Protein backbone atom coordinates (compact mmCIF):
# COMPACT_ATOMS: atom_id res chain seq x y z
CA UNK A 1 94.73 84.50 94.19
CA UNK A 2 92.40 87.23 95.40
CA UNK A 3 89.17 85.40 94.68
CA UNK A 4 90.31 82.41 96.72
CA UNK A 5 91.89 84.32 99.60
CA UNK A 6 89.02 86.82 100.06
CA UNK A 7 85.90 85.39 98.40
CA UNK A 8 83.64 87.77 100.33
CA UNK A 9 85.32 90.71 98.56
CA UNK A 10 86.56 89.35 95.20
CA UNK A 11 85.16 86.97 92.59
CA UNK A 12 85.92 85.58 89.16
CA UNK A 13 83.39 87.11 86.76
CA UNK A 14 81.65 84.93 84.20
CA UNK A 15 82.81 85.22 80.58
CA UNK A 16 85.92 87.34 81.31
CA UNK A 17 87.27 85.51 84.36
CA UNK A 18 88.99 83.02 82.07
CA UNK A 19 90.99 85.97 80.67
CA UNK A 20 92.38 86.83 84.10
CA UNK A 21 89.81 89.39 85.19
CA UNK A 22 88.91 89.69 88.87
CA UNK A 23 85.71 91.31 90.13
CA UNK A 24 85.42 93.30 93.35
CA UNK A 25 82.19 93.33 95.31
CA UNK A 26 81.46 97.00 95.96
CA UNK A 27 78.45 96.27 98.16
CA UNK A 28 80.43 94.41 100.84
CA UNK A 29 81.90 97.33 102.74
CA UNK A 30 85.18 97.86 100.92
CA UNK A 31 86.69 101.18 101.84
CA UNK A 32 87.43 103.64 99.06
CA UNK A 33 91.19 103.40 99.55
CA UNK A 34 91.05 99.66 98.85
CA UNK A 35 88.90 100.26 95.77
CA UNK A 36 91.27 102.96 94.52
CA UNK A 37 94.23 100.66 95.14
CA UNK A 38 92.70 97.85 93.10
CA UNK A 39 91.89 100.21 90.24
CA UNK A 40 95.39 101.74 90.33
CA UNK A 41 97.09 98.34 90.37
CA UNK A 42 94.94 97.13 87.48
CA UNK A 43 95.72 100.25 85.47
CA UNK A 44 99.44 99.97 86.10
CA UNK A 45 99.44 96.36 84.92
CA UNK A 46 98.01 97.32 81.53
CA UNK A 47 98.92 100.96 80.90
CA UNK A 48 101.54 101.96 78.34
CA UNK A 49 104.86 102.91 79.91
CA UNK A 50 104.56 106.53 78.75
CA UNK A 51 101.39 106.98 80.84
CA UNK A 52 102.90 105.35 83.90
CA UNK A 53 105.86 107.66 83.69
CA UNK A 54 103.79 110.79 83.14
CA UNK A 55 104.32 113.54 85.67
CA UNK A 56 100.63 113.97 86.42
CA UNK A 57 100.16 110.27 87.15
CA UNK A 58 103.36 109.98 89.23
CA UNK A 59 102.03 112.66 91.59
CA UNK A 60 99.17 110.34 92.50
CA UNK A 61 101.32 107.24 93.16
CA UNK A 62 104.19 106.92 95.62
CA UNK A 63 107.35 106.41 93.56
CA UNK A 64 108.80 103.85 95.95
CA UNK A 65 105.81 101.54 95.62
CA UNK A 66 105.86 100.97 91.86
CA UNK A 67 108.94 100.56 89.75
CA UNK A 68 108.09 99.65 86.18
CA UNK A 69 111.10 99.57 83.91
């Protein structure tokens, strides 16, 4: 779990943490690539398949890294 493995960067937010949400501390020196990666991963976990497969979105994500079928 992210919050346990890197507590200086991630935390379980009150109220929504019980629903599986994870918070990222933006004031602790995270680089923008890490932040973008967390946002992308979160989006891909919840986005409808038609958006994941869209051409515009696929240009932003390496095809070998994510295979949602």
